[in-house]
Amino acid sequence: MRVELKTEEDFDGVMYTRGSFYKQSEPCFVKPKRAGKTLEMKFNLDQCQTINNGEIYSNIVVVQHDPDLVTPGDAAFAVECDFRKPRGVTVNAEIQARDR
Protein backbone atom coordinates (compact mmCIF):
# COMPACT_ATOMS: atom_id res chain seq x y z
CA MET A 1 0.00 0.00 0.00
CA ARG A 2 1.15 3.52 -0.68
CA VAL A 3 -0.30 6.53 1.12
CA GLU A 4 0.86 10.03 0.25
CA LEU A 5 -0.07 13.05 2.35
CA LYS A 6 0.11 16.43 0.60
CA THR A 7 -0.50 19.59 2.62
CA GLU A 8 -0.75 23.27 1.79
CA GLU A 9 1.46 24.19 4.75
CA ASP A 10 4.53 22.46 6.17
CA PHE A 11 3.63 19.36 8.17
CA ASP A 12 5.86 18.19 11.01
CA GLY A 13 3.54 15.66 12.64
CA VAL A 14 3.40 11.91 12.08
CA MET A 15 1.49 9.42 9.94
CA TYR A 16 0.98 5.82 11.05
CA THR A 17 -1.26 2.80 10.78
CA ARG A 18 -3.60 2.14 13.68
CA GLY A 19 -1.81 0.14 16.35
CA SER A 20 1.67 1.33 15.34
CA PHE A 21 2.04 4.51 17.41
CA TYR A 22 3.83 3.07 20.44
CA LYS A 23 6.32 0.98 18.47
CA GLN A 24 7.06 3.92 16.12
CA SER A 25 8.94 1.85 13.55
CA GLU A 26 8.91 2.04 9.77
CA PRO A 27 7.21 1.24 7.52
CA CYS A 28 4.09 1.51 9.72
CA PHE A 29 5.10 4.82 11.33
CA VAL A 30 6.49 7.79 9.40
CA LYS A 31 7.92 10.94 10.94
CA PRO A 32 9.46 13.53 8.62
CA LYS A 33 13.11 14.43 9.14
CA ARG A 34 12.04 18.04 8.63
CA ALA A 35 8.73 19.78 8.02
CA GLY A 36 7.48 19.61 4.46
CA LYS A 37 4.37 19.55 2.31
CA THR A 38 4.56 15.86 1.30
CA LEU A 39 4.84 12.72 3.44
CA GLU A 40 4.75 9.18 2.05
CA MET A 41 4.15 5.81 3.68
CA LYS A 42 4.66 2.51 1.82
CA PHE A 43 4.15 -0.96 3.25
CA ASN A 44 3.49 -4.48 2.00
CA LEU A 45 0.00 -5.92 2.24
CA ASP A 46 1.16 -8.36 4.93
CA GLN A 47 2.51 -5.59 7.19
CA CYS A 48 1.16 -2.97 9.60
CA GLN A 49 -1.93 -4.90 10.76
CA THR A 50 -3.39 -4.82 7.25
CA ILE A 51 -6.60 -6.85 7.13
CA ASN A 52 -7.05 -9.29 4.24
CA ASN A 53 -10.65 -9.97 3.28
CA GLY A 54 -10.36 -12.02 0.11
CA GLU A 55 -9.22 -9.67 -2.62
CA ILE A 56 -9.62 -6.55 -0.47
CA TYR A 57 -6.85 -5.36 1.85
CA SER A 58 -7.69 -2.60 4.33
CA ASN A 59 -6.04 -0.52 7.01
CA ILE A 60 -6.54 2.67 9.04
CA VAL A 61 -4.01 5.48 8.57
CA VAL A 62 -3.78 8.20 11.23
CA VAL A 63 -2.52 11.71 10.48
CA GLN A 64 -1.43 13.39 13.71
CA HIS A 65 -0.21 17.00 13.79
CA ASP A 66 1.66 16.75 17.10
CA PRO A 67 4.23 13.93 17.11
CA ASP A 68 3.36 13.00 20.70
CA LEU A 69 -0.31 13.86 21.33
CA VAL A 70 -3.62 13.26 19.58
CA THR A 71 -5.29 16.66 19.26
CA PRO A 72 -8.36 18.20 17.57
CA GLY A 73 -7.73 18.39 13.85
CA ASP A 74 -6.03 14.99 13.66
CA ALA A 75 -7.73 12.44 11.42
CA ALA A 76 -7.95 8.72 10.69
CA PHE A 77 -8.66 7.41 7.20
CA ALA A 78 -9.80 3.96 6.12
CA VAL A 79 -7.73 2.91 3.10
CA GLU A 80 -8.06 -0.20 1.00
CA CYS A 81 -6.65 -1.98 -2.02
CA ASP A 82 -9.37 -3.78 -3.98
CA PHE A 83 -7.93 -6.32 -6.42
CA ARG A 84 -11.33 -7.33 -7.81
CA LYS A 85 -11.15 -4.37 -10.18
CA PRO A 86 -7.64 -2.84 -10.30
CA ARG A 87 -7.57 0.92 -10.71
CA GLY A 88 -5.75 3.98 -9.46
CA VAL A 89 -7.66 6.05 -6.93
CA THR A 90 -6.83 9.47 -5.53
CA VAL A 91 -8.65 10.57 -2.38
CA ASN A 92 -8.68 14.21 -1.28
CA ALA A 93 -9.72 15.21 2.22
CA GLU A 94 -9.53 18.49 4.08
CA ILE A 95 -8.56 18.55 7.73
CA GLN A 96 -8.04 21.60 9.85
CA ALA A 97 -4.54 22.16 11.16
CA ARG A 98 -4.42 23.76 14.56
CA ASP A 99 -2.19 26.69 15.44
CA ARG A 100 0.62 25.82 17.80
PDB file of N, CA and C in Angstrom:
ATOM      1  N   MET A   1       0.847  -1.172   0.000  1.00  0.00           N
ATOM      2  CA  MET A   1       0.000   0.000   0.000  1.00  0.00           C
ATOM      3  C   MET A   1       0.891   1.233   0.000  1.00  0.00           C
ATOM      4  N   ARG A   2       0.412   2.252  -0.659  1.00  0.00           N
ATOM      5  CA  ARG A   2       1.146   3.519  -0.679  1.00  0.00           C
ATOM      6  C   ARG A   2       0.165   4.621  -0.320  1.00  0.00           C
ATOM      7  N   VAL A   3       0.522   5.400   0.696  1.00  0.00           N
ATOM      8  CA  VAL A   3      -0.299   6.526   1.124  1.00  0.00           C
ATOM      9  C   VAL A   3       0.578   7.768   1.068  1.00  0.00           C
ATOM     10  N   GLU A   4       0.113   8.783   0.365  1.00  0.00           N
ATOM     11  CA  GLU A   4       0.864  10.030   0.252  1.00  0.00           C
ATOM     12  C   GLU A   4       0.015  11.164   0.815  1.00  0.00           C
ATOM     13  N   LEU A   5       0.590  11.899   1.739  1.00  0.00           N
ATOM     14  CA  LEU A   5      -0.066  13.053   2.345  1.00  0.00           C
ATOM     15  C   LEU A   5       0.531  14.311   1.729  1.00  0.00           C
ATOM     16  N   LYS A   6      -0.332  15.145   1.149  1.00  0.00           N
ATOM     17  CA  LYS A   6       0.108  16.431   0.598  1.00  0.00           C
ATOM     18  C   LYS A   6      -0.635  17.521   1.346  1.00  0.00           C
ATOM     19  N   THR A   7       0.102  18.508   1.834  1.00  0.00           N
ATOM     20  CA  THR A   7      -0.497  19.586   2.615  1.00  0.00           C
ATOM     21  C   THR A   7      -0.181  20.939   1.982  1.00  0.00           C
ATOM     22  N   GLU A   8      -1.006  21.915   2.295  1.00  0.00           N
ATOM     23  CA  GLU A   8      -0.754  23.267   1.794  1.00  0.00           C
ATOM     24  C   GLU A   8       0.339  23.954   2.603  1.00  0.00           C
ATOM     25  N   GLU A   9       0.431  23.617   3.883  1.00  0.00           N
ATOM     26  CA  GLU A   9       1.459  24.188   4.754  1.00  0.00           C
ATOM     27  C   GLU A   9       2.400  23.078   5.202  1.00  0.00           C
ATOM     28  N   ASP A  10       3.579  23.457   5.685  1.00  0.00           N
ATOM     29  CA  ASP A  10       4.532  22.464   6.167  1.00  0.00           C
ATOM     30  C   ASP A  10       3.915  21.617   7.274  1.00  0.00           C
ATOM     31  N   PHE A  11       4.154  20.322   7.204  1.00  0.00           N
ATOM     32  CA  PHE A  11       3.627  19.365   8.171  1.00  0.00           C
ATOM     33  C   PHE A  11       4.806  18.746   8.904  1.00  0.00           C
ATOM     34  N   ASP A  12       4.781  18.801  10.236  1.00  0.00           N
ATOM     35  CA  ASP A  12       5.861  18.191  11.014  1.00  0.00           C
ATOM     36  C   ASP A  12       5.318  17.208  12.046  1.00  0.00           C
ATOM     37  N   GLY A  13       4.142  16.670  11.766  1.00  0.00           N
ATOM     38  CA  GLY A  13       3.543  15.664  12.636  1.00  0.00           C
ATOM     39  C   GLY A  13       3.971  14.272  12.212  1.00  0.00           C
ATOM     40  N   VAL A  14       3.097  13.291  12.423  1.00  0.00           N
ATOM     41  CA  VAL A  14       3.398  11.908  12.082  1.00  0.00           C
ATOM     42  C   VAL A  14       2.221  11.281  11.337  1.00  0.00           C
ATOM     43  N   MET A  15       2.511  10.210  10.617  1.00  0.00           N
ATOM     44  CA  MET A  15       1.488   9.417   9.941  1.00  0.00           C
ATOM     45  C   MET A  15       1.790   7.958  10.260  1.00  0.00           C
ATOM     46  N   TYR A  16       0.754   7.217  10.660  1.00  0.00           N
ATOM     47  CA  TYR A  16       0.985   5.820  11.050  1.00  0.00           C
ATOM     48  C   TYR A  16      -0.281   4.998  10.876  1.00  0.00           C
ATOM     49  N   THR A  17      -0.102   3.679  10.818  1.00  0.00           N
ATOM     50  CA  THR A  17      -1.256   2.797  10.777  1.00  0.00           C
ATOM     51  C   THR A  17      -1.725   2.552  12.203  1.00  0.00           C
ATOM     52  N   ARG A  18      -3.034   2.359  12.349  1.00  0.00           N
ATOM     53  CA  ARG A  18      -3.604   2.143  13.680  1.00  0.00           C
ATOM     54  C   ARG A  18      -2.903   0.959  14.350  1.00  0.00           C
ATOM     55  N   GLY A  19      -2.512   1.164  15.595  1.00  0.00           N
ATOM     56  CA  GLY A  19      -1.809   0.137  16.350  1.00  0.00           C
ATOM     57  C   GLY A  19      -0.297   0.243  16.280  1.00  0.00           C
ATOM     58  N   SER A  20       0.226   1.210  15.524  1.00  0.00           N
ATOM     59  CA  SER A  20       1.673   1.333  15.337  1.00  0.00           C
ATOM     60  C   SER A  20       2.295   2.522  16.053  1.00  0.00           C
ATOM     61  N   PHE A  21       1.510   3.289  16.797  1.00  0.00           N
ATOM     62  CA  PHE A  21       2.035   4.507  17.406  1.00  0.00           C
ATOM     63  C   PHE A  21       3.122   4.225  18.446  1.00  0.00           C
ATOM     64  N   TYR A  22       2.886   3.279  19.339  1.00  0.00           N
ATOM     65  CA  TYR A  22       3.830   3.069  20.440  1.00  0.00           C
ATOM     66  C   TYR A  22       5.140   2.448  19.983  1.00  0.00           C
ATOM     67  N   LYS A  23       5.090   1.595  18.978  1.00  0.00           N
ATOM     68  CA  LYS A  23       6.318   0.979  18.469  1.00  0.00           C
ATOM     69  C   LYS A  23       7.130   1.985  17.649  1.00  0.00           C
ATOM     70  N   GLN A  24       6.451   2.856  16.926  1.00  0.00           N
ATOM     71  CA  GLN A  24       7.059   3.917  16.115  1.00  0.00           C
ATOM     72  C   GLN A  24       8.194   3.422  15.220  1.00  0.00           C
ATOM     73  N   SER A  25       7.925   2.353  14.469  1.00  0.00           N
ATOM     74  CA  SER A  25       8.945   1.848  13.552  1.00  0.00           C
ATOM     75  C   SER A  25       8.399   1.796  12.129  1.00  0.00           C
ATOM     76  N   GLU A  26       9.280   2.097  11.183  1.00  0.00           N
ATOM     77  CA  GLU A  26       8.909   2.041   9.772  1.00  0.00           C
ATOM     78  C   GLU A  26       8.680   0.589   9.383  1.00  0.00           C
ATOM     79  N   PRO A  27       7.875   0.309   8.413  1.00  0.00           N
ATOM     80  CA  PRO A  27       7.211   1.236   7.516  1.00  0.00           C
ATOM     81  C   PRO A  27       5.845   1.704   8.023  1.00  0.00           C
ATOM     82  N   CYS A  28       5.445   1.236   9.220  1.00  0.00           N
ATOM     83  CA  CYS A  28       4.091   1.508   9.724  1.00  0.00           C
ATOM     84  C   CYS A  28       3.965   2.855  10.424  1.00  0.00           C
ATOM     85  N   PHE A  29       5.069   3.531  10.645  1.00  0.00           N
ATOM     86  CA  PHE A  29       5.099   4.824  11.332  1.00  0.00           C
ATOM     87  C   PHE A  29       6.082   5.715  10.585  1.00  0.00           C
ATOM     88  N   VAL A  30       5.629   6.884  10.163  1.00  0.00           N
ATOM     89  CA  VAL A  30       6.486   7.793   9.401  1.00  0.00           C
ATOM     90  C   VAL A  30       6.505   9.154  10.087  1.00  0.00           C
ATOM     91  N   LYS A  31       7.718   9.612  10.361  1.00  0.00           N
ATOM     92  CA  LYS A  31       7.920  10.944  10.944  1.00  0.00           C
ATOM     93  C   LYS A  31       8.911  11.670  10.039  1.00  0.00           C
ATOM     94  N   PRO A  32       8.550  12.840   9.534  1.00  0.00           N
ATOM     95  CA  PRO A  32       9.465  13.529   8.616  1.00  0.00           C
ATOM     96  C   PRO A  32      10.740  13.983   9.329  1.00  0.00           C
ATOM     97  N   LYS A  33      11.844  13.943   8.585  1.00  0.00           N
ATOM     98  CA  LYS A  33      13.111  14.428   9.141  1.00  0.00           C
ATOM     99  C   LYS A  33      13.059  15.940   9.348  1.00  0.00           C
ATOM    100  N   ARG A  34      12.294  16.603   8.482  1.00  0.00           N
ATOM    101  CA  ARG A  34      12.044  18.040   8.634  1.00  0.00           C
ATOM    102  C   ARG A  34      10.661  18.322   8.057  1.00  0.00           C
ATOM    103  N   ALA A  35      10.077  19.423   8.478  1.00  0.00           N
ATOM    104  CA  ALA A  35       8.728  19.776   8.024  1.00  0.00           C
ATOM    105  C   ALA A  35       8.712  19.950   6.510  1.00  0.00           C
ATOM    106  N   GLY A  36       7.635  19.489   5.900  1.00  0.00           N
ATOM    107  CA  GLY A  36       7.484  19.614   4.460  1.00  0.00           C
ATOM    108  C   GLY A  36       6.019  19.492   4.074  1.00  0.00           C
ATOM    109  N   LYS A  37       5.753  19.586   2.797  1.00  0.00           N
ATOM    110  CA  LYS A  37       4.373  19.550   2.310  1.00  0.00           C
ATOM    111  C   LYS A  37       3.946  18.172   1.805  1.00  0.00           C
ATOM    112  N   THR A  38       4.871  17.205   1.767  1.00  0.00           N
ATOM    113  CA  THR A  38       4.561  15.857   1.302  1.00  0.00           C
ATOM    114  C   THR A  38       5.172  14.835   2.256  1.00  0.00           C
ATOM    115  N   LEU A  39       4.382  13.817   2.583  1.00  0.00           N
ATOM    116  CA  LEU A  39       4.842  12.721   3.436  1.00  0.00           C
ATOM    117  C   LEU A  39       4.303  11.435   2.833  1.00  0.00           C
ATOM    118  N   GLU A  40       5.154  10.430   2.697  1.00  0.00           N
ATOM    119  CA  GLU A  40       4.749   9.182   2.052  1.00  0.00           C
ATOM    120  C   GLU A  40       4.976   7.991   2.970  1.00  0.00           C
ATOM    121  N   MET A  41       4.046   7.058   2.925  1.00  0.00           N
ATOM    122  CA  MET A  41       4.146   5.808   3.676  1.00  0.00           C
ATOM    123  C   MET A  41       3.919   4.669   2.683  1.00  0.00           C
ATOM    124  N   LYS A  42       4.820   3.683   2.668  1.00  0.00           N
ATOM    125  CA  LYS A  42       4.664   2.507   1.816  1.00  0.00           C
ATOM    126  C   LYS A  42       4.886   1.265   2.665  1.00  0.00           C
ATOM    127  N   PHE A  43       3.971   0.300   2.539  1.00  0.00           N
ATOM    128  CA  PHE A  43       4.146  -0.963   3.254  1.00  0.00           C
ATOM    129  C   PHE A  43       3.504  -2.092   2.463  1.00  0.00           C
ATOM    130  N   ASN A  44       4.022  -3.297   2.673  1.00  0.00           N
ATOM    131  CA  ASN A  44       3.488  -4.478   2.005  1.00  0.00           C
ATOM    132  C   ASN A  44       2.125  -4.828   2.573  1.00  0.00           C
ATOM    133  N   LEU A  45       1.351  -5.566   1.813  1.00  0.00           N
ATOM    134  CA  LEU A  45       0.000  -5.920   2.236  1.00  0.00           C
ATOM    135  C   LEU A  45      -0.032  -6.881   3.418  1.00  0.00           C
ATOM    136  N   ASP A  46       1.110  -7.478   3.758  1.00  0.00           N
ATOM    137  CA  ASP A  46       1.161  -8.363   4.927  1.00  0.00           C
ATOM    138  C   ASP A  46       1.824  -7.674   6.127  1.00  0.00           C
ATOM    139  N   GLN A  47       1.896  -6.358   6.106  1.00  0.00           N
ATOM    140  CA  GLN A  47       2.508  -5.590   7.189  1.00  0.00           C
ATOM    141  C   GLN A  47       1.497  -4.629   7.811  1.00  0.00           C
ATOM    142  N   CYS A  48       1.858  -4.106   8.972  1.00  0.00           N
ATOM    143  CA  CYS A  48       1.161  -2.972   9.596  1.00  0.00           C
ATOM    144  C   CYS A  48      -0.297  -3.270   9.952  1.00  0.00           C
ATOM    145  N   GLN A  49      -0.576  -4.486  10.363  1.00  0.00           N
ATOM    146  CA  GLN A  49      -1.929  -4.899  10.760  1.00  0.00           C
ATOM    147  C   GLN A  49      -2.944  -4.741   9.626  1.00  0.00           C
ATOM    148  N   THR A  50      -2.477  -4.884   8.389  1.00  0.00           N
ATOM    149  CA  THR A  50      -3.386  -4.819   7.250  1.00  0.00           C
ATOM    150  C   THR A  50      -4.315  -6.026   7.290  1.00  0.00           C
ATOM    151  N   ILE A  51      -5.591  -5.787   7.089  1.00  0.00           N
ATOM    152  CA  ILE A  51      -6.600  -6.848   7.129  1.00  0.00           C
ATOM    153  C   ILE A  51      -6.859  -7.338   5.711  1.00  0.00           C
ATOM    154  N   ASN A  52      -6.793  -8.664   5.530  1.00  0.00           N
ATOM    155  CA  ASN A  52      -7.048  -9.286   4.238  1.00  0.00           C
ATOM    156  C   ASN A  52      -8.430  -9.913   4.272  1.00  0.00           C
ATOM    157  N   ASN A  53      -9.300  -9.428   3.388  1.00  0.00           N
ATOM    158  CA  ASN A  53     -10.650  -9.974   3.282  1.00  0.00           C
ATOM    159  C   ASN A  53     -10.856 -10.407   1.828  1.00  0.00           C
ATOM    160  N   GLY A  54     -10.287 -11.552   1.496  1.00  0.00           N
ATOM    161  CA  GLY A  54     -10.360 -12.020   0.111  1.00  0.00           C
ATOM    162  C   GLY A  54      -9.440 -11.210  -0.771  1.00  0.00           C
ATOM    163  N   GLU A  55     -10.014 -10.487  -1.706  1.00  0.00           N
ATOM    164  CA  GLU A  55      -9.218  -9.668  -2.618  1.00  0.00           C
ATOM    165  C   GLU A  55      -9.174  -8.205  -2.197  1.00  0.00           C
ATOM    166  N   ILE A  56      -9.639  -7.913  -0.990  1.00  0.00           N
ATOM    167  CA  ILE A  56      -9.621  -6.547  -0.471  1.00  0.00           C
ATOM    168  C   ILE A  56      -8.719  -6.491   0.758  1.00  0.00           C
ATOM    169  N   TYR A  57      -7.760  -5.577   0.731  1.00  0.00           N
ATOM    170  CA  TYR A  57      -6.855  -5.356   1.855  1.00  0.00           C
ATOM    171  C   TYR A  57      -7.168  -3.979   2.424  1.00  0.00           C
ATOM    172  N   SER A  58      -7.316  -3.888   3.746  1.00  0.00           N
ATOM    173  CA  SER A  58      -7.693  -2.597   4.331  1.00  0.00           C
ATOM    174  C   SER A  58      -6.863  -2.280   5.562  1.00  0.00           C
ATOM    175  N   ASN A  59      -6.776  -0.998   5.854  1.00  0.00           N
ATOM    176  CA  ASN A  59      -6.038  -0.517   7.014  1.00  0.00           C
ATOM    177  C   ASN A  59      -6.593   0.856   7.393  1.00  0.00           C
ATOM    178  N   ILE A  60      -6.191   1.334   8.566  1.00  0.00           N
ATOM    179  CA  ILE A  60      -6.542   2.673   9.038  1.00  0.00           C
ATOM    180  C   ILE A  60      -5.240   3.463   9.148  1.00  0.00           C
ATOM    181  N   VAL A  61      -5.185   4.613   8.507  1.00  0.00           N
ATOM    182  CA  VAL A  61      -4.007   5.482   8.571  1.00  0.00           C
ATOM    183  C   VAL A  61      -4.377   6.727   9.363  1.00  0.00           C
ATOM    184  N   VAL A  62      -3.551   7.047  10.356  1.00  0.00           N
ATOM    185  CA  VAL A  62      -3.776   8.196  11.230  1.00  0.00           C
ATOM    186  C   VAL A  62      -2.806   9.313  10.847  1.00  0.00           C
ATOM    187  N   VAL A  63      -3.330  10.516  10.719  1.00  0.00           N
ATOM    188  CA  VAL A  63      -2.516  11.710  10.479  1.00  0.00           C
ATOM    189  C   VAL A  63      -2.613  12.550  11.742  1.00  0.00           C
ATOM    190  N   GLN A  64      -1.475  12.738  12.401  1.00  0.00           N
ATOM    191  CA  GLN A  64      -1.434  13.392  13.709  1.00  0.00           C
ATOM    192  C   GLN A  64      -0.496  14.593  13.635  1.00  0.00           C
ATOM    193  N   HIS A  65      -1.008  15.779  13.924  1.00  0.00           N
ATOM    194  CA  HIS A  65      -0.213  17.005  13.789  1.00  0.00           C
ATOM    195  C   HIS A  65       0.890  17.135  14.836  1.00  0.00           C
ATOM    196  N   ASP A  66       0.641  16.728  16.049  1.00  0.00           N
ATOM    197  CA  ASP A  66       1.656  16.754  17.100  1.00  0.00           C
ATOM    198  C   ASP A  66       2.282  15.362  17.154  1.00  0.00           C
ATOM    199  N   PRO A  67       3.611  15.249  17.130  1.00  0.00           N
ATOM    200  CA  PRO A  67       4.231  13.929  17.105  1.00  0.00           C
ATOM    201  C   PRO A  67       3.980  13.097  18.366  1.00  0.00           C
ATOM    202  N   ASP A  68       3.528  13.728  19.447  1.00  0.00           N
ATOM    203  CA  ASP A  68       3.359  13.001  20.701  1.00  0.00           C
ATOM    204  C   ASP A  68       1.918  12.878  21.174  1.00  0.00           C
ATOM    205  N   LEU A  69       1.051  13.818  20.793  1.00  0.00           N
ATOM    206  CA  LEU A  69      -0.310  13.855  21.334  1.00  0.00           C
ATOM    207  C   LEU A  69      -1.361  13.867  20.233  1.00  0.00           C
ATOM    208  N   VAL A  70      -2.465  13.163  20.470  1.00  0.00           N
ATOM    209  CA  VAL A  70      -3.619  13.259  19.583  1.00  0.00           C
ATOM    210  C   VAL A  70      -4.374  14.524  19.969  1.00  0.00           C
ATOM    211  N   THR A  71      -4.648  15.375  18.993  1.00  0.00           N
ATOM    212  CA  THR A  71      -5.294  16.659  19.260  1.00  0.00           C
ATOM    213  C   THR A  71      -6.434  16.888  18.265  1.00  0.00           C
ATOM    214  N   PRO A  72      -7.317  17.859  18.549  1.00  0.00           N
ATOM    215  CA  PRO A  72      -8.359  18.196  17.573  1.00  0.00           C
ATOM    216  C   PRO A  72      -7.711  18.568  16.235  1.00  0.00           C
ATOM    217  N   GLY A  73      -8.298  18.138  15.166  1.00  0.00           N
ATOM    218  CA  GLY A  73      -7.729  18.390  13.847  1.00  0.00           C
ATOM    219  C   GLY A  73      -6.996  17.194  13.285  1.00  0.00           C
ATOM    220  N   ASP A  74      -6.635  16.225  14.140  1.00  0.00           N
ATOM    221  CA  ASP A  74      -6.031  14.990  13.657  1.00  0.00           C
ATOM    222  C   ASP A  74      -7.120  14.157  12.986  1.00  0.00           C
ATOM    223  N   ALA A  75      -6.724  13.212  12.159  1.00  0.00           N
ATOM    224  CA  ALA A  75      -7.727  12.440  11.425  1.00  0.00           C
ATOM    225  C   ALA A  75      -7.255  11.014  11.187  1.00  0.00           C
ATOM    226  N   ALA A  76      -8.221  10.116  11.049  1.00  0.00           N
ATOM    227  CA  ALA A  76      -7.954   8.723  10.692  1.00  0.00           C
ATOM    228  C   ALA A  76      -8.718   8.419   9.408  1.00  0.00           C
ATOM    229  N   PHE A  77      -8.065   7.721   8.491  1.00  0.00           N
ATOM    230  CA  PHE A  77      -8.656   7.410   7.195  1.00  0.00           C
ATOM    231  C   PHE A  77      -8.630   5.910   6.960  1.00  0.00           C
ATOM    232  N   ALA A  78      -9.748   5.359   6.535  1.00  0.00           N
ATOM    233  CA  ALA A  78      -9.798   3.960   6.116  1.00  0.00           C
ATOM    234  C   ALA A  78      -9.279   3.903   4.681  1.00  0.00           C
ATOM    235  N   VAL A  79      -8.281   3.071   4.448  1.00  0.00           N
ATOM    236  CA  VAL A  79      -7.727   2.907   3.105  1.00  0.00           C
ATOM    237  C   VAL A  79      -7.829   1.439   2.717  1.00  0.00           C
ATOM    238  N   GLU A  80      -8.001   1.195   1.434  1.00  0.00           N
ATOM    239  CA  GLU A  80      -8.060  -0.196   1.001  1.00  0.00           C
ATOM    240  C   GLU A  80      -7.536  -0.350  -0.414  1.00  0.00           C
ATOM    241  N   CYS A  81      -7.036  -1.560  -0.677  1.00  0.00           N
ATOM    242  CA  CYS A  81      -6.653  -1.980  -2.019  1.00  0.00           C
ATOM    243  C   CYS A  81      -7.635  -3.069  -2.412  1.00  0.00           C
ATOM    244  N   ASP A  82      -8.346  -2.850  -3.503  1.00  0.00           N
ATOM    245  CA  ASP A  82      -9.368  -3.781  -3.977  1.00  0.00           C
ATOM    246  C   ASP A  82      -8.875  -4.387  -5.284  1.00  0.00           C
ATOM    247  N   PHE A  83      -8.494  -5.667  -5.238  1.00  0.00           N
ATOM    248  CA  PHE A  83      -7.934  -6.316  -6.416  1.00  0.00           C
ATOM    249  C   PHE A  83      -8.998  -6.961  -7.296  1.00  0.00           C
ATOM    250  N   ARG A  84     -10.268  -6.805  -6.958  1.00  0.00           N
ATOM    251  CA  ARG A  84     -11.328  -7.335  -7.813  1.00  0.00           C
ATOM    252  C   ARG A  84     -11.411  -6.542  -9.105  1.00  0.00           C
ATOM    253  N   LYS A  85     -11.073  -5.260  -9.018  1.00  0.00           N
ATOM    254  CA  LYS A  85     -11.150  -4.374 -10.179  1.00  0.00           C
ATOM    255  C   LYS A  85     -10.012  -3.365 -10.050  1.00  0.00           C
ATOM    256  N   PRO A  86      -8.783  -3.738 -10.472  1.00  0.00           N
ATOM    257  CA  PRO A  86      -7.635  -2.843 -10.299  1.00  0.00           C
ATOM    258  C   PRO A  86      -7.855  -1.481 -10.954  1.00  0.00           C
ATOM    259  N   ARG A  87      -7.462  -0.449 -10.221  1.00  0.00           N
ATOM    260  CA  ARG A  87      -7.573   0.920 -10.712  1.00  0.00           C
ATOM    261  C   ARG A  87      -6.759   1.831  -9.802  1.00  0.00           C
ATOM    262  N   GLY A  88      -6.413   2.980 -10.287  1.00  0.00           N
ATOM    263  CA  GLY A  88      -5.750   3.981  -9.465  1.00  0.00           C
ATOM    264  C   GLY A  88      -6.798   4.904  -8.868  1.00  0.00           C
ATOM    265  N   VAL A  89      -6.680   5.192  -7.596  1.00  0.00           N
ATOM    266  CA  VAL A  89      -7.655   6.045  -6.928  1.00  0.00           C
ATOM    267  C   VAL A  89      -6.920   7.130  -6.155  1.00  0.00           C
ATOM    268  N   THR A  90      -7.358   8.360  -6.311  1.00  0.00           N
ATOM    269  CA  THR A  90      -6.834   9.465  -5.526  1.00  0.00           C
ATOM    270  C   THR A  90      -7.953   9.969  -4.630  1.00  0.00           C
ATOM    271  N   VAL A  91      -7.658  10.092  -3.342  1.00  0.00           N
ATOM    272  CA  VAL A  91      -8.647  10.573  -2.379  1.00  0.00           C
ATOM    273  C   VAL A  91      -8.165  11.903  -1.830  1.00  0.00           C
ATOM    274  N   ASN A  92      -9.004  12.907  -1.857  1.00  0.00           N
ATOM    275  CA  ASN A  92      -8.683  14.208  -1.283  1.00  0.00           C
ATOM    276  C   ASN A  92      -9.561  14.434  -0.068  1.00  0.00           C
ATOM    277  N   ALA A  93      -8.962  14.903   1.008  1.00  0.00           N
ATOM    278  CA  ALA A  93      -9.716  15.208   2.222  1.00  0.00           C
ATOM    279  C   ALA A  93      -9.130  16.464   2.838  1.00  0.00           C
ATOM    280  N   GLU A  94      -9.996  17.281   3.395  1.00  0.00           N
ATOM    281  CA  GLU A  94      -9.531  18.485   4.076  1.00  0.00           C
ATOM    282  C   GLU A  94      -9.634  18.284   5.573  1.00  0.00           C
ATOM    283  N   ILE A  95      -8.540  18.573   6.269  1.00  0.00           N
ATOM    284  CA  ILE A  95      -8.561  18.554   7.728  1.00  0.00           C
ATOM    285  C   ILE A  95      -7.987  19.874   8.205  1.00  0.00           C
ATOM    286  N   GLN A  96      -8.488  20.333   9.304  1.00  0.00           N
ATOM    287  CA  GLN A  96      -8.035  21.604   9.850  1.00  0.00           C
ATOM    288  C   GLN A  96      -6.768  21.399  10.667  1.00  0.00           C
ATOM    289  N   ALA A  97      -5.749  22.161  10.354  1.00  0.00           N
ATOM    290  CA  ALA A  97      -4.537  22.159  11.161  1.00  0.00           C
ATOM    291  C   ALA A  97      -4.727  23.176  12.271  1.00  0.00           C
ATOM    292  N   ARG A  98      -4.277  22.837  13.443  1.00  0.00           N
ATOM    293  CA  ARG A  98      -4.423  23.758  14.562  1.00  0.00           C
ATOM    294  C   ARG A  98      -3.181  24.624  14.666  1.00  0.00           C
ATOM    295  N   ASP A  99      -3.333  25.805  15.195  1.00  0.00           N
ATOM    296  CA  ASP A  99      -2.189  26.686  15.441  1.00  0.00           C
ATOM    297  C   ASP A  99      -1.473  26.204  16.681  1.00  0.00           C
ATOM    298  N   ARG A 100      -0.158  26.256  16.634  1.00  0.00           N
ATOM    299  CA  ARG A 100       0.623  25.817  17.799  1.00  0.00           C
ATOM    300  C   ARG A 100       0.912  26.972  18.690  1.00  0.00           C
TER     301      ARG A 100
END
